[in-house]
Amino acid sequence: MIKMNKYNAFSPTDVSTVKFRRKKKVWMSAERCAIYDIELMSPDLLLLANGTLAKIQLVDGRTGSTMCEVSTRPYDPHGICLIGREHAVVTYAGYRKIQMMHVTRDRLTLGSVLDVKALVWGVTSCGDHIVVSYRRPPWLEIMSTKGRVLRQFRSAGETKPFRTPDFLTTSKEGFIYVTDFAMNTISKVDSSLAVLQTFSSPRLIGPRGITPLGSDRLLVCSLYNRSIVQVNVNSGKMAVILDDQDGIVAPRSLSFCPMQRKLFLCSELNTKDIQVYLIY
């Protein structure tokens, strides 16, 4: 049985409780493209980082129609996250840049561009601040929306927690979860960037996008297992809830809407659609 708490978040009683069924495909693009990241702006609106077309697009999650879009050329957007209701942050991995945005239902406006020192990758928000992951060398960083660095965590010593920190997400409790593509791990990090816990499993090979499911669960894209894995952050137990038999192929990024019980999923491959799965 699935319970709803007062925050409209799911509280499944065990790791095998939540099951999804494939509902439909939305946002049928006229040409194949790679959606690098997806963010839920509201129960019906999806913010997409379209790397192939070098655009940020706002899509109606019910009809699949594009509400508005803005070109990011010459940069290819990689990661995207919301800060508050009307602001977003975009990372440009190949260009060592981050850009602020103003977002509404009918308009996307690009803002200031921040230069960073390394290959920036994933991004999430933590309060009014931005958390980003870097590669070469691997580290995490918290900064203000003006670009002022507030905290850093750099991998050092023999037991490095990160090799290729990838996607990030923030829980309602303020913990940051980081997928590491090369190490096949998920790390739980606090607001001071201290690594509290690391999760791994044979079910998790090539972890990519990650999103919260309730207060104590995560949904993670397992690229090389062609599956979506549910993680219990209290026990560390993992379970595959969607796989290739459900149409999962090279999953890259995902976002969950608790109010509508919908999971929106994008593929690593160039496709023309976003897949939607519904909890039952």
Foldseek 3Di string as FASTA:
>chain_A
DWDADPVLFTDDPDQPRWFWAFDDWAQQAPFWWAFQEWEDLDLQWIWTQTQGQQKTWIAGNPHRDTQDMDHNPPARWHEKEDAPNFKMKTDRQVQQKIWIWGDDSRDIGTDDIDHHDARWAEWYDQHQWIWIFGVPPTKIFIDHPVGHTDAIDGADDDDGPAHAWHYWYAAPVRWIWTAHQVVLKIFTAHPNRDTDDIAHDPLAHRWAAKEDRGRFKMWIQRQVQLFIKIAGNVVSDIDTRGHVVSVRHQWHYWYADSNQQKIWTGHRGGRRTIIIIHID
